[in-house]
Amino acid sequence: MLNHYSKNYKEMSNICIFCDNENEAKSVEHIVPESLGNTKYIMPRNSVCDNCNKRFSKFEEKVLTKTVFAFERARFAIKTKKGNASIGKLNKLEFSGDKNFRKNIVSIRGISLDDFKEFDPNTGSGQLVIPGFVGSENATSKFLLKVALESLYKSQKSTFKSHNFNQLKEFLNTKSNIDWPFITTSIIMPEFKSIPRFEDKHHLNEIKCSISFCKLDDKNLLFKFKYGGVTAIINMLDRNLDWIKKYRTLDETLTVLPEHYRKKLSDSTENKE
């Protein structure tokens, strides 16, 4: 039996899933931003109001220009709405996609040897270290949670209806400004299930994107967003850190963001020990 915490939308096309207000939205809401190459995976009309859409566009723009997702976007040669090569900035590094839209070619300005790991002066090659989300952690949390709720509403209605997403909504509606933790990781997690199905899933795979979820328990409904070589995971239900400990033991390269949550996580682990 489902606990209907969320409003029983019943395909009601004039109720916003974020603010629960009636609306007559004029804009089309792409679940994964069009700027990442998504043209088909969209929300049913009027399920997200114009006011929420406008508010969300501010943090989406930051994620799409000032995080490692922006770098991947440039690497995949995604065109802007004006038909230009995509650009972005990560701290002092400025980058742009290839003007001829060739994939895996990115121009970067502001590079120094300090930005490289295992640099070989003989070949001029090395591993570039990119500051993935510095200064954009809060915007990224909101971006992940927005995509999470929209995708569940679109493709996993029973999961959408059976959970309480009030904290998520308050965070996205700026009623709560407390940071929301997420992680980046490189490990494969088979327990996650794809949210989109059939053609929607295939379309996202074509743009090197996948979104999935995993229910650990009543307090932890995890959402995984993978774009290119970057994977981020966030808990849709609340800000607890308990779920992170499991993955931390599996992946030594796992990063907890925003950074102040790393200390809280370490302190809680030490106290238990």
C-alpha atoms as a PDB file:
ATOM      1  CA  MET A   1       0.000   0.000   0.000  1.00  0.00           C
ATOM      2  CA  LEU A   2       1.396   3.373  -1.019  1.00  0.00           C
ATOM      3  CA  ASN A   3       1.641   6.262   1.414  1.00  0.00           C
ATOM      4  CA  HIS A   4       0.557   9.229  -0.657  1.00  0.00           C
ATOM      5  CA  TYR A   5       2.745  11.931   0.855  1.00  0.00           C
ATOM      6  CA  SER A   6       2.850  13.887  -2.391  1.00  0.00           C
ATOM      7  CA  LYS A   7      -0.325  15.385  -3.776  1.00  0.00           C
ATOM      8  CA  ASN A   8      -2.345  12.985  -5.842  1.00  0.00           C
ATOM      9  CA  TYR A   9      -1.644  14.718  -9.127  1.00  0.00           C
ATOM     10  CA  LYS A  10      -3.548  12.171 -11.247  1.00  0.00           C
ATOM     11  CA  GLU A  11      -1.968  13.704 -14.304  1.00  0.00           C
ATOM     12  CA  MET A  12      -3.411  17.091 -13.287  1.00  0.00           C
ATOM     13  CA  SER A  13      -1.654  19.320 -15.789  1.00  0.00           C
ATOM     14  CA  ASN A  14      -2.017  22.549 -13.809  1.00  0.00           C
ATOM     15  CA  ILE A  15      -0.295  21.638 -10.525  1.00  0.00           C
ATOM     16  CA  CYS A  16       3.411  22.371 -10.057  1.00  0.00           C
ATOM     17  CA  ILE A  17       5.225  19.402  -8.482  1.00  0.00           C
ATOM     18  CA  PHE A  18       7.625  21.729  -6.624  1.00  0.00           C
ATOM     19  CA  CYS A  19       5.434  24.472  -5.114  1.00  0.00           C
ATOM     20  CA  ASP A  20       2.034  22.659  -5.331  1.00  0.00           C
ATOM     21  CA  ASN A  21       0.430  25.750  -6.841  1.00  0.00           C
ATOM     22  CA  GLU A  22      -1.863  25.808  -9.837  1.00  0.00           C
ATOM     23  CA  ASN A  23      -0.234  27.186 -12.953  1.00  0.00           C
ATOM     24  CA  GLU A  24      -0.546  27.594 -16.679  1.00  0.00           C
ATOM     25  CA  ALA A  25       3.114  27.258 -17.589  1.00  0.00           C
ATOM     26  CA  LYS A  26       4.156  28.373 -21.043  1.00  0.00           C
ATOM     27  CA  SER A  27       7.686  26.964 -20.994  1.00  0.00           C
ATOM     28  CA  VAL A  28       8.795  23.403 -21.795  1.00  0.00           C
ATOM     29  CA  GLU A  29      10.753  21.805 -18.955  1.00  0.00           C
ATOM     30  CA  HIS A  30      13.666  19.573 -19.986  1.00  0.00           C
ATOM     31  CA  ILE A  31      14.414  17.115 -17.180  1.00  0.00           C
ATOM     32  CA  VAL A  32      18.070  16.867 -18.138  1.00  0.00           C
ATOM     33  CA  PRO A  33      19.015  20.313 -19.496  1.00  0.00           C
ATOM     34  CA  GLU A  34      18.883  20.817 -23.231  1.00  0.00           C
ATOM     35  CA  SER A  35      22.361  22.328 -22.880  1.00  0.00           C
ATOM     36  CA  LEU A  36      23.676  18.830 -22.088  1.00  0.00           C
ATOM     37  CA  GLY A  37      22.215  17.476 -25.326  1.00  0.00           C
ATOM     38  CA  ASN A  38      18.775  16.354 -24.119  1.00  0.00           C
ATOM     39  CA  THR A  39      16.023  17.146 -26.612  1.00  0.00           C
ATOM     40  CA  LYS A  40      13.406  14.477 -25.851  1.00  0.00           C
ATOM     41  CA  TYR A  41      13.232  13.700 -22.123  1.00  0.00           C
ATOM     42  CA  ILE A  42      10.846  16.429 -20.977  1.00  0.00           C
ATOM     43  CA  MET A  43       8.160  16.966 -18.349  1.00  0.00           C
ATOM     44  CA  PRO A  44       4.429  16.788 -19.074  1.00  0.00           C
ATOM     45  CA  ARG A  45       3.224  20.308 -19.842  1.00  0.00           C
ATOM     46  CA  ASN A  46       2.288  22.470 -16.831  1.00  0.00           C
ATOM     47  CA  SER A  47       3.799  20.090 -14.271  1.00  0.00           C
ATOM     48  CA  VAL A  48       6.449  22.735 -13.414  1.00  0.00           C
ATOM     49  CA  CYS A  49       5.294  26.340 -13.135  1.00  0.00           C
ATOM     50  CA  ASP A  50       7.063  29.255 -14.806  1.00  0.00           C
ATOM     51  CA  ASN A  51       8.023  30.781 -11.446  1.00  0.00           C
ATOM     52  CA  CYS A  52       9.862  27.638 -10.323  1.00  0.00           C
ATOM     53  CA  ASN A  53      11.352  27.181 -13.770  1.00  0.00           C
ATOM     54  CA  LYS A  54      12.723  30.723 -13.684  1.00  0.00           C
ATOM     55  CA  ARG A  55      14.192  30.242 -10.202  1.00  0.00           C
ATOM     56  CA  PHE A  56      15.798  26.952 -11.190  1.00  0.00           C
ATOM     57  CA  SER A  57      17.417  28.436 -14.292  1.00  0.00           C
ATOM     58  CA  LYS A  58      19.778  30.478 -12.107  1.00  0.00           C
ATOM     59  CA  PHE A  59      21.467  27.517 -10.451  1.00  0.00           C
ATOM     60  CA  GLU A  60      21.285  25.427 -13.634  1.00  0.00           C
ATOM     61  CA  GLU A  61      23.260  28.077 -15.488  1.00  0.00           C
ATOM     62  CA  LYS A  62      25.967  27.968 -12.815  1.00  0.00           C
ATOM     63  CA  VAL A  63      26.210  24.176 -13.034  1.00  0.00           C
ATOM     64  CA  LEU A  64      26.366  24.283 -16.834  1.00  0.00           C
ATOM     65  CA  THR A  65      29.160  26.875 -16.962  1.00  0.00           C
ATOM     66  CA  LYS A  66      31.201  26.518 -13.759  1.00  0.00           C
ATOM     67  CA  THR A  67      31.437  22.818 -12.892  1.00  0.00           C
ATOM     68  CA  VAL A  68      33.032  19.727 -14.374  1.00  0.00           C
ATOM     69  CA  PHE A  69      29.698  19.019 -16.103  1.00  0.00           C
ATOM     70  CA  ALA A  70      30.416  22.105 -18.195  1.00  0.00           C
ATOM     71  CA  PHE A  71      33.793  20.648 -19.125  1.00  0.00           C
ATOM     72  CA  GLU A  72      32.155  17.385 -20.216  1.00  0.00           C
ATOM     73  CA  ARG A  73      29.624  19.374 -22.203  1.00  0.00           C
ATOM     74  CA  ALA A  74      32.471  21.079 -24.061  1.00  0.00           C
ATOM     75  CA  ARG A  75      34.253  17.742 -24.551  1.00  0.00           C
ATOM     76  CA  PHE A  76      31.151  16.293 -26.198  1.00  0.00           C
ATOM     77  CA  ALA A  77      30.965  19.324 -28.535  1.00  0.00           C
ATOM     78  CA  ILE A  78      27.428  20.277 -27.477  1.00  0.00           C
ATOM     79  CA  LYS A  79      26.277  23.429 -29.237  1.00  0.00           C
ATOM     80  CA  THR A  80      24.770  26.363 -27.387  1.00  0.00           C
ATOM     81  CA  LYS A  81      21.260  27.552 -28.271  1.00  0.00           C
ATOM     82  CA  LYS A  82      22.916  30.125 -30.560  1.00  0.00           C
ATOM     83  CA  GLY A  83      24.856  27.396 -32.338  1.00  0.00           C
ATOM     84  CA  ASN A  84      28.246  28.197 -30.818  1.00  0.00           C
ATOM     85  CA  ALA A  85      30.800  25.996 -29.094  1.00  0.00           C
ATOM     86  CA  SER A  86      30.100  25.744 -25.366  1.00  0.00           C
ATOM     87  CA  ILE A  87      32.372  27.536 -22.908  1.00  0.00           C
ATOM     88  CA  GLY A  88      32.974  27.413 -19.168  1.00  0.00           C
ATOM     89  CA  LYS A  89      35.251  28.298 -16.275  1.00  0.00           C
ATOM     90  CA  LEU A  90      36.600  26.235 -13.374  1.00  0.00           C
ATOM     91  CA  ASN A  91      38.476  28.527 -10.979  1.00  0.00           C
ATOM     92  CA  LYS A  92      41.295  29.997 -13.106  1.00  0.00           C
ATOM     93  CA  LEU A  93      40.816  27.532 -15.979  1.00  0.00           C
ATOM     94  CA  GLU A  94      38.776  28.810 -18.916  1.00  0.00           C
ATOM     95  CA  PHE A  95      37.759  26.303 -21.559  1.00  0.00           C
ATOM     96  CA  SER A  96      35.751  26.004 -24.747  1.00  0.00           C
ATOM     97  CA  GLY A  97      34.634  23.221 -27.039  1.00  0.00           C
ATOM     98  CA  ASP A  98      36.025  22.800 -30.552  1.00  0.00           C
ATOM     99  CA  LYS A  99      34.784  25.436 -33.000  1.00  0.00           C
ATOM    100  CA  ASN A 100      34.285  22.723 -35.620  1.00  0.00           C
ATOM    101  CA  PHE A 101      32.376  20.625 -33.052  1.00  0.00           C
ATOM    102  CA  ARG A 102      34.831  17.731 -33.015  1.00  0.00           C
ATOM    103  CA  LYS A 103      34.390  15.621 -29.878  1.00  0.00           C
ATOM    104  CA  ASN A 104      37.110  15.211 -27.247  1.00  0.00           C
ATOM    105  CA  ILE A 105      38.875  18.413 -28.289  1.00  0.00           C
ATOM    106  CA  VAL A 106      38.807  21.194 -25.684  1.00  0.00           C
ATOM    107  CA  SER A 107      40.778  24.457 -25.634  1.00  0.00           C
ATOM    108  CA  ILE A 108      41.926  25.460 -22.129  1.00  0.00           C
ATOM    109  CA  ARG A 109      43.436  28.736 -20.948  1.00  0.00           C
ATOM    110  CA  GLY A 110      45.167  29.386 -17.636  1.00  0.00           C
ATOM    111  CA  ILE A 111      46.892  25.996 -17.328  1.00  0.00           C
ATOM    112  CA  SER A 112      50.118  25.590 -15.342  1.00  0.00           C
ATOM    113  CA  LEU A 113      52.257  22.531 -14.547  1.00  0.00           C
ATOM    114  CA  ASP A 114      50.663  22.480 -11.093  1.00  0.00           C
ATOM    115  CA  ASP A 115      47.392  21.470 -12.775  1.00  0.00           C
ATOM    116  CA  PHE A 116      48.917  18.235 -14.083  1.00  0.00           C
ATOM    117  CA  LYS A 117      49.412  14.900 -12.376  1.00  0.00           C
ATOM    118  CA  GLU A 118      52.197  12.610 -13.596  1.00  0.00           C
ATOM    119  CA  PHE A 119      53.316  15.130 -16.226  1.00  0.00           C
ATOM    120  CA  ASP A 120      55.940  13.815 -18.666  1.00  0.00           C
ATOM    121  CA  PRO A 121      58.082  16.704 -20.036  1.00  0.00           C
ATOM    122  CA  ASN A 122      59.412  14.483 -22.830  1.00  0.00           C
ATOM    123  CA  THR A 123      56.013  13.804 -24.343  1.00  0.00           C
ATOM    124  CA  GLY A 124      54.228  16.888 -23.020  1.00  0.00           C
ATOM    125  CA  SER A 125      51.431  14.720 -21.708  1.00  0.00           C
ATOM    126  CA  GLY A 126      49.917  14.210 -18.286  1.00  0.00           C
ATOM    127  CA  GLN A 127      46.680  13.940 -16.334  1.00  0.00           C
ATOM    128  CA  LEU A 128      44.868  17.254 -15.941  1.00  0.00           C
ATOM    129  CA  VAL A 129      43.425  17.822 -12.468  1.00  0.00           C
ATOM    130  CA  ILE A 130      40.149  19.757 -12.649  1.00  0.00           C
ATOM    131  CA  PRO A 131      38.410  21.359  -9.615  1.00  0.00           C
ATOM    132  CA  GLY A 132      35.041  19.743 -10.234  1.00  0.00           C
ATOM    133  CA  PHE A 133      32.540  21.768  -8.180  1.00  0.00           C
ATOM    134  CA  VAL A 134      34.485  24.431  -6.274  1.00  0.00           C
ATOM    135  CA  GLY A 135      32.191  27.387  -5.559  1.00  0.00           C
ATOM    136  CA  SER A 136      29.179  25.677  -7.122  1.00  0.00           C
ATOM    137  CA  GLU A 137      28.363  22.990  -4.555  1.00  0.00           C
ATOM    138  CA  ASN A 138      25.013  24.462  -3.489  1.00  0.00           C
ATOM    139  CA  ALA A 139      23.919  24.995  -7.091  1.00  0.00           C
ATOM    140  CA  THR A 140      24.914  21.416  -7.935  1.00  0.00           C
ATOM    141  CA  SER A 141      22.904  19.986  -5.030  1.00  0.00           C
ATOM    142  CA  LYS A 142      19.837  21.866  -6.245  1.00  0.00           C
ATOM    143  CA  PHE A 143      20.448  20.777  -9.818  1.00  0.00           C
ATOM    144  CA  LEU A 144      20.667  17.106  -8.808  1.00  0.00           C
ATOM    145  CA  LEU A 145      17.536  17.245  -6.647  1.00  0.00           C
ATOM    146  CA  LYS A 146      15.534  19.018  -9.340  1.00  0.00           C
ATOM    147  CA  VAL A 147      16.448  16.417 -11.976  1.00  0.00           C
ATOM    148  CA  ALA A 148      15.738  13.658  -9.435  1.00  0.00           C
ATOM    149  CA  LEU A 149      12.188  14.750  -8.598  1.00  0.00           C
ATOM    150  CA  GLU A 150      11.253  15.544 -12.193  1.00  0.00           C
ATOM    151  CA  SER A 151      12.531  12.219 -13.484  1.00  0.00           C
ATOM    152  CA  LEU A 152      10.647  10.259 -10.797  1.00  0.00           C
ATOM    153  CA  TYR A 153       7.444  12.135 -11.633  1.00  0.00           C
ATOM    154  CA  LYS A 154       7.924  11.439 -15.323  1.00  0.00           C
ATOM    155  CA  SER A 155       9.056   7.815 -15.218  1.00  0.00           C
ATOM    156  CA  GLN A 156       8.568   6.287 -11.732  1.00  0.00           C
ATOM    157  CA  LYS A 157       5.185   7.550 -10.507  1.00  0.00           C
ATOM    158  CA  SER A 158       4.743   4.972  -7.734  1.00  0.00           C
ATOM    159  CA  THR A 159       8.071   5.984  -6.149  1.00  0.00           C
ATOM    160  CA  PHE A 160       7.203   9.656  -6.562  1.00  0.00           C
ATOM    161  CA  LYS A 161       3.862   9.234  -4.813  1.00  0.00           C
ATOM    162  CA  SER A 162       5.105   7.050  -1.963  1.00  0.00           C
ATOM    163  CA  HIS A 163       7.744   9.347  -0.455  1.00  0.00           C
ATOM    164  CA  ASN A 164       7.826  12.623   1.428  1.00  0.00           C
ATOM    165  CA  PHE A 165       9.877  15.146  -0.547  1.00  0.00           C
ATOM    166  CA  ASN A 166       9.041  18.182   1.607  1.00  0.00           C
ATOM    167  CA  GLN A 167      12.655  18.867   2.601  1.00  0.00           C
ATOM    168  CA  LEU A 168      13.725  18.696  -1.037  1.00  0.00           C
ATOM    169  CA  LYS A 169      10.985  21.133  -2.057  1.00  0.00           C
ATOM    170  CA  GLU A 170      11.841  23.585   0.742  1.00  0.00           C
ATOM    171  CA  PHE A 171      15.484  23.544  -0.343  1.00  0.00           C
ATOM    172  CA  LEU A 172      14.634  24.175  -3.990  1.00  0.00           C
ATOM    173  CA  ASN A 173      12.077  26.839  -3.087  1.00  0.00           C
ATOM    174  CA  THR A 174      14.731  28.632  -0.939  1.00  0.00           C
ATOM    175  CA  LYS A 175      12.682  28.145   2.251  1.00  0.00           C
ATOM    176  CA  SER A 176      15.753  26.382   3.652  1.00  0.00           C
ATOM    177  CA  ASN A 177      19.328  27.448   2.866  1.00  0.00           C
ATOM    178  CA  ILE A 178      21.115  24.629   4.715  1.00  0.00           C
ATOM    179  CA  ASP A 179      23.603  22.910   2.388  1.00  0.00           C
ATOM    180  CA  TRP A 180      22.615  19.500   1.041  1.00  0.00           C
ATOM    181  CA  PRO A 181      25.457  16.935   0.783  1.00  0.00           C
ATOM    182  CA  PHE A 182      26.285  14.861  -2.286  1.00  0.00           C
ATOM    183  CA  ILE A 183      29.195  12.687  -3.366  1.00  0.00           C
ATOM    184  CA  THR A 184      31.210  12.057  -6.500  1.00  0.00           C
ATOM    185  CA  THR A 185      32.513   8.555  -7.078  1.00  0.00           C
ATOM    186  CA  SER A 186      34.044   6.335  -9.742  1.00  0.00           C
ATOM    187  CA  ILE A 187      32.718   2.942  -8.628  1.00  0.00           C
ATOM    188  CA  ILE A 188      30.007   0.985 -10.432  1.00  0.00           C
ATOM    189  CA  MET A 189      26.860   0.436  -8.351  1.00  0.00           C
ATOM    190  CA  PRO A 190      24.691  -2.381  -9.721  1.00  0.00           C
ATOM    191  CA  GLU A 191      21.986  -1.853  -7.092  1.00  0.00           C
ATOM    192  CA  PHE A 192      20.848   1.332  -8.837  1.00  0.00           C
ATOM    193  CA  LYS A 193      17.874   1.099 -11.203  1.00  0.00           C
ATOM    194  CA  SER A 194      17.371   3.310 -14.245  1.00  0.00           C
ATOM    195  CA  ILE A 195      14.645   5.930 -13.782  1.00  0.00           C
ATOM    196  CA  PRO A 196      13.791   6.544 -17.459  1.00  0.00           C
ATOM    197  CA  ARG A 197      12.590   3.597 -19.501  1.00  0.00           C
ATOM    198  CA  PHE A 198      12.670   2.390 -23.081  1.00  0.00           C
ATOM    199  CA  GLU A 199      13.171   5.251 -25.563  1.00  0.00           C
ATOM    200  CA  ASP A 200      13.837   7.839 -22.854  1.00  0.00           C
ATOM    201  CA  LYS A 201      16.643   5.708 -21.419  1.00  0.00           C
ATOM    202  CA  HIS A 202      18.065   5.088 -24.889  1.00  0.00           C
ATOM    203  CA  HIS A 203      17.993   8.793 -25.732  1.00  0.00           C
ATOM    204  CA  LEU A 204      19.905   9.738 -22.583  1.00  0.00           C
ATOM    205  CA  ASN A 205      22.449   6.980 -23.212  1.00  0.00           C
ATOM    206  CA  GLU A 206      23.109   8.504 -26.618  1.00  0.00           C
ATOM    207  CA  ILE A 207      24.189  11.759 -24.967  1.00  0.00           C
ATOM    208  CA  LYS A 208      26.373   9.888 -22.436  1.00  0.00           C
ATOM    209  CA  CYS A 209      23.907  10.503 -19.607  1.00  0.00           C
ATOM    210  CA  SER A 210      22.192   8.120 -17.213  1.00  0.00           C
ATOM    211  CA  ILE A 211      19.980   8.750 -14.180  1.00  0.00           C
ATOM    212  CA  SER A 212      19.036   6.076 -11.671  1.00  0.00           C
ATOM    213  CA  PHE A 213      17.805   5.535  -8.120  1.00  0.00           C
ATOM    214  CA  CYS A 214      18.232   3.140  -5.215  1.00  0.00           C
ATOM    215  CA  LYS A 215      16.123   2.854  -2.062  1.00  0.00           C
ATOM    216  CA  LEU A 216      18.283   1.834   0.899  1.00  0.00           C
ATOM    217  CA  ASP A 217      15.614   2.349   3.579  1.00  0.00           C
ATOM    218  CA  ASP A 218      12.903   4.822   4.622  1.00  0.00           C
ATOM    219  CA  LYS A 219      15.449   7.613   5.178  1.00  0.00           C
ATOM    220  CA  ASN A 220      17.620   7.057   2.126  1.00  0.00           C
ATOM    221  CA  LEU A 221      16.353   7.240  -1.438  1.00  0.00           C
ATOM    222  CA  LEU A 222      19.466   7.814  -3.520  1.00  0.00           C
ATOM    223  CA  PHE A 223      19.656   9.491  -6.921  1.00  0.00           C
ATOM    224  CA  LYS A 224      22.617   8.979  -9.240  1.00  0.00           C
ATOM    225  CA  PHE A 225      23.391  11.364 -12.091  1.00  0.00           C
ATOM    226  CA  LYS A 226      26.100  10.338 -14.545  1.00  0.00           C
ATOM    227  CA  TYR A 227      27.210  12.556 -17.412  1.00  0.00           C
ATOM    228  CA  GLY A 228      30.283  11.550 -19.356  1.00  0.00           C
ATOM    229  CA  GLY A 229      32.957  10.519 -16.902  1.00  0.00           C
ATOM    230  CA  VAL A 230      31.389  12.242 -13.887  1.00  0.00           C
ATOM    231  CA  THR A 231      29.053  10.549 -11.404  1.00  0.00           C
ATOM    232  CA  ALA A 232      27.276  12.363  -8.558  1.00  0.00           C
ATOM    233  CA  ILE A 233      24.941  10.824  -5.970  1.00  0.00           C
ATOM    234  CA  ILE A 234      22.556  12.561  -3.573  1.00  0.00           C
ATOM    235  CA  ASN A 235      19.918  11.490  -1.050  1.00  0.00           C
ATOM    236  CA  MET A 236      16.484  12.797  -2.081  1.00  0.00           C
ATOM    237  CA  LEU A 237      14.873  12.560   1.366  1.00  0.00           C
ATOM    238  CA  ASP A 238      17.150  14.426   3.789  1.00  0.00           C
ATOM    239  CA  ARG A 239      20.672  15.619   4.582  1.00  0.00           C
ATOM    240  CA  ASN A 240      21.870  12.703   6.718  1.00  0.00           C
ATOM    241  CA  LEU A 241      25.402  11.380   6.106  1.00  0.00           C
ATOM    242  CA  ASP A 242      24.923   7.748   7.152  1.00  0.00           C
ATOM    243  CA  TRP A 243      24.444   6.451   3.618  1.00  0.00           C
ATOM    244  CA  ILE A 244      27.765   7.937   2.499  1.00  0.00           C
ATOM    245  CA  LYS A 245      29.764   5.732   4.878  1.00  0.00           C
ATOM    246  CA  LYS A 246      28.876   2.608   2.885  1.00  0.00           C
ATOM    247  CA  TYR A 247      30.305   3.972  -0.346  1.00  0.00           C
ATOM    248  CA  ARG A 248      33.279   5.546   1.369  1.00  0.00           C
ATOM    249  CA  THR A 249      34.555   2.084   2.293  1.00  0.00           C
ATOM    250  CA  LEU A 250      34.264   0.977  -1.350  1.00  0.00           C
ATOM    251  CA  ASP A 251      35.859   3.981  -3.048  1.00  0.00           C
ATOM    252  CA  GLU A 252      38.962   5.710  -1.678  1.00  0.00           C
ATOM    253  CA  THR A 253      38.618   8.477  -4.280  1.00  0.00           C
ATOM    254  CA  LEU A 254      35.064   9.331  -3.199  1.00  0.00           C
ATOM    255  CA  THR A 255      34.564  13.043  -2.534  1.00  0.00           C
ATOM    256  CA  VAL A 256      31.945  14.489  -0.160  1.00  0.00           C
ATOM    257  CA  LEU A 257      30.592  17.940  -1.039  1.00  0.00           C
ATOM    258  CA  PRO A 258      30.216  20.646   0.197  1.00  0.00           C
ATOM    259  CA  GLU A 259      33.581  20.279   1.892  1.00  0.00           C
ATOM    260  CA  HIS A 260      32.416  21.051   5.450  1.00  0.00           C
ATOM    261  CA  TYR A 261      30.428  17.799   5.398  1.00  0.00           C
ATOM    262  CA  ARG A 262      33.678  15.844   5.123  1.00  0.00           C
ATOM    263  CA  LYS A 263      34.715  16.976   8.599  1.00  0.00           C
ATOM    264  CA  LYS A 264      31.276  16.156  10.016  1.00  0.00           C
ATOM    265  CA  LEU A 265      31.473  12.708   8.466  1.00  0.00           C
ATOM    266  CA  SER A 266      34.990  12.101   9.808  1.00  0.00           C
ATOM    267  CA  ASP A 267      34.026  13.346  13.279  1.00  0.00           C
ATOM    268  CA  SER A 268      30.963  11.074  13.435  1.00  0.00           C
ATOM    269  CA  THR A 269      33.035   8.081  12.323  1.00  0.00           C
ATOM    270  CA  GLU A 270      35.738   8.774  14.934  1.00  0.00           C
ATOM    271  CA  ASN A 271      33.154   9.187  17.693  1.00  0.00           C
ATOM    272  CA  LYS A 272      31.609   5.797  16.896  1.00  0.00           C
ATOM    273  CA  GLU A 273      35.033   4.181  16.923  1.00  0.00           C
END
